[in-house]
Amino acid sequence: MLYKIKLGELVVTIPTIGFNVETFEYKNNKFTAWDIGGQEKIRSDVERIYEAKQVLRLIFEAEELTDTKLLVYANKQDHPNALSAEELREEMELSEVTKNSTHVQASIATTGEGIYEGLDWLIKAVTGELFS
């Protein structure tokens, strides 16, 4: 998904082990995105969700991040066993992890569905348009 956003096209990649960080622009806004590894064969969804919750708790404990907005993609919505955006929000316990503004966006990276809607939400959240 990261390269679909950055390059505007689907790029065949090898599974991410560790993480990739990329910076890109969208609608005159600069973003830094983290693609965290977790291909099914490498780790289970349960392990990834638990790890994500722990990392997010640590991140949002930092005083300088009190106004940080969080966008999470519920990718692979075309897969039969994919968690919906709401199910992922509940599994990650986002309302407990942070009181900051969060959004879980359903997406399908291979088609681009939902990707830009998530970025549009983030732009509005950061600029205050969501709350005016």
Protein backbone atom coordinates (compact mmCIF):
# COMPACT_ATOMS: atom_id res chain seq x y z
CA MET A 1 0.00 0.00 0.00
CA LEU A 2 2.81 2.38 0.84
CA TYR A 3 4.16 2.37 -2.70
CA LYS A 4 0.66 2.58 -4.18
CA ILE A 5 0.29 5.86 -2.29
CA LYS A 6 3.77 7.18 -3.03
CA LEU A 7 4.03 6.19 -6.69
CA GLY A 8 0.36 6.01 -7.65
CA GLU A 9 0.75 2.48 -8.94
CA LEU A 10 0.83 -1.02 -7.56
CA VAL A 11 4.39 -2.23 -7.06
CA VAL A 12 5.16 -5.90 -6.56
CA THR A 13 7.31 -6.11 -3.46
CA ILE A 14 8.67 -8.78 -1.22
CA PRO A 15 6.99 -9.10 2.20
CA THR A 16 8.11 -6.44 4.64
CA ILE A 17 10.31 -7.73 7.42
CA GLY A 18 10.78 -5.02 10.01
CA PHE A 19 9.46 -1.79 8.51
CA ASN A 20 9.73 0.61 5.59
CA VAL A 21 9.45 4.37 5.98
CA GLU A 22 8.59 6.60 3.03
CA THR A 23 7.83 10.28 2.65
CA PHE A 24 5.37 11.42 -0.01
CA GLU A 25 3.18 14.37 -0.93
CA TYR A 26 -0.57 14.38 -1.42
CA LYS A 27 -2.65 17.50 -2.07
CA ASN A 28 0.33 19.73 -1.17
CA ASN A 29 0.76 18.00 2.19
CA LYS A 30 3.88 16.07 3.14
CA PHE A 31 3.42 12.71 4.88
CA THR A 32 5.74 10.18 6.43
CA ALA A 33 4.28 6.68 6.43
CA TRP A 34 5.44 3.53 8.16
CA ASP A 35 4.76 0.14 6.60
CA ILE A 36 5.14 -2.36 9.40
CA GLY A 37 5.87 -5.96 8.44
CA GLY A 38 3.59 -8.75 9.33
CA GLN A 39 2.86 -10.94 6.35
CA GLU A 40 0.57 -13.82 7.32
CA LYS A 41 3.33 -16.38 6.95
CA ILE A 42 5.59 -14.39 9.25
CA ARG A 43 3.22 -13.42 12.09
CA SER A 44 -0.42 -13.90 12.96
CA ASP A 45 -2.98 -11.10 13.05
CA VAL A 46 -3.36 -11.59 16.80
CA GLU A 47 0.37 -11.02 17.32
CA ARG A 48 0.38 -7.95 15.08
CA ILE A 49 -2.65 -6.37 16.73
CA TYR A 50 -1.26 -6.96 20.24
CA GLU A 51 2.11 -5.50 19.25
CA ALA A 52 0.46 -2.49 17.58
CA LYS A 53 -1.58 -1.76 20.73
CA GLN A 54 1.54 -1.84 22.89
CA VAL A 55 3.52 0.40 20.55
CA LEU A 56 0.67 2.90 20.23
CA ARG A 57 0.30 3.10 24.00
CA LEU A 58 3.99 3.95 24.31
CA ILE A 59 3.82 6.51 21.52
CA PHE A 60 0.79 8.34 22.88
CA GLU A 61 2.24 8.52 26.39
CA ALA A 62 4.73 11.08 25.07
CA GLU A 63 3.63 14.55 26.10
CA GLU A 64 4.71 16.12 22.81
CA LEU A 65 2.29 13.86 20.92
CA THR A 66 -0.87 14.91 22.73
CA ASP A 67 -2.39 16.42 19.57
CA THR A 68 -1.25 13.70 17.17
CA LYS A 69 -3.86 12.30 14.79
CA LEU A 70 -3.83 8.59 13.96
CA LEU A 71 -4.89 6.98 10.69
CA VAL A 72 -4.99 3.18 10.56
CA TYR A 73 -5.79 1.28 7.38
CA ALA A 74 -7.89 -1.88 7.58
CA ASN A 75 -6.36 -3.19 4.39
CA LYS A 76 -7.18 -6.26 2.32
CA GLN A 77 -10.93 -5.77 2.60
CA ASP A 78 -11.25 -7.96 -0.48
CA HIS A 79 -10.10 -10.98 1.56
CA PRO A 80 -12.93 -13.08 3.06
CA ASN A 81 -11.54 -13.09 6.62
CA ALA A 82 -10.46 -9.44 6.78
CA LEU A 83 -11.49 -7.50 9.87
CA SER A 84 -13.80 -4.60 9.05
CA ALA A 85 -12.66 -1.10 9.98
CA GLU A 86 -14.88 -1.17 13.09
CA GLU A 87 -13.70 -4.65 14.10
CA LEU A 88 -10.07 -3.53 13.78
CA ARG A 89 -10.81 -0.40 15.86
CA GLU A 90 -12.28 -2.61 18.59
CA GLU A 91 -9.51 -5.23 18.43
CA MET A 92 -6.83 -2.53 18.69
CA GLU A 93 -8.76 -0.89 21.55
CA LEU A 94 -8.09 2.50 19.98
CA SER A 95 -10.43 4.35 22.33
CA GLU A 96 -8.33 3.04 25.24
CA VAL A 97 -4.94 3.43 23.56
CA THR A 98 -5.38 7.13 22.83
CA LYS A 99 -7.87 9.91 23.38
CA ASN A 100 -6.51 11.57 20.25
CA SER A 101 -8.50 11.78 17.06
CA THR A 102 -8.30 8.43 15.25
CA HIS A 103 -9.75 6.98 12.08
CA VAL A 104 -9.71 3.42 10.76
CA GLN A 105 -10.11 3.40 6.99
CA ALA A 106 -11.21 0.28 5.13
CA SER A 107 -8.99 -0.19 2.08
CA ILE A 108 -7.86 -2.44 -0.73
CA ALA A 109 -4.32 -1.48 -1.73
CA THR A 110 -4.38 -3.42 -5.00
CA THR A 111 -7.26 -1.31 -6.34
CA GLY A 112 -6.56 1.88 -4.39
CA GLU A 113 -9.99 1.73 -2.75
CA GLY A 114 -10.08 3.71 0.50
CA ILE A 115 -6.45 4.84 0.39
CA TYR A 116 -7.03 8.47 -0.54
CA GLU A 117 -10.17 8.75 1.60
CA GLY A 118 -7.95 7.98 4.60
CA LEU A 119 -5.44 10.64 3.61
CA ASP A 120 -8.25 13.15 3.09
CA TRP A 121 -9.48 12.44 6.63
CA LEU A 122 -5.96 12.96 7.98
CA ILE A 123 -5.56 16.29 6.20
CA LYS A 124 -8.90 17.50 7.59
CA ALA A 125 -8.02 16.28 11.09
CA VAL A 126 -4.63 18.01 11.09
CA THR A 127 -5.93 21.29 9.63
CA GLY A 128 -8.90 21.35 11.99
CA GLU A 129 -11.52 21.09 9.24
CA LEU A 130 -13.07 18.03 10.91
CA PHE A 131 -13.83 19.98 14.04
CA SER A 132 -15.04 23.30 12.66
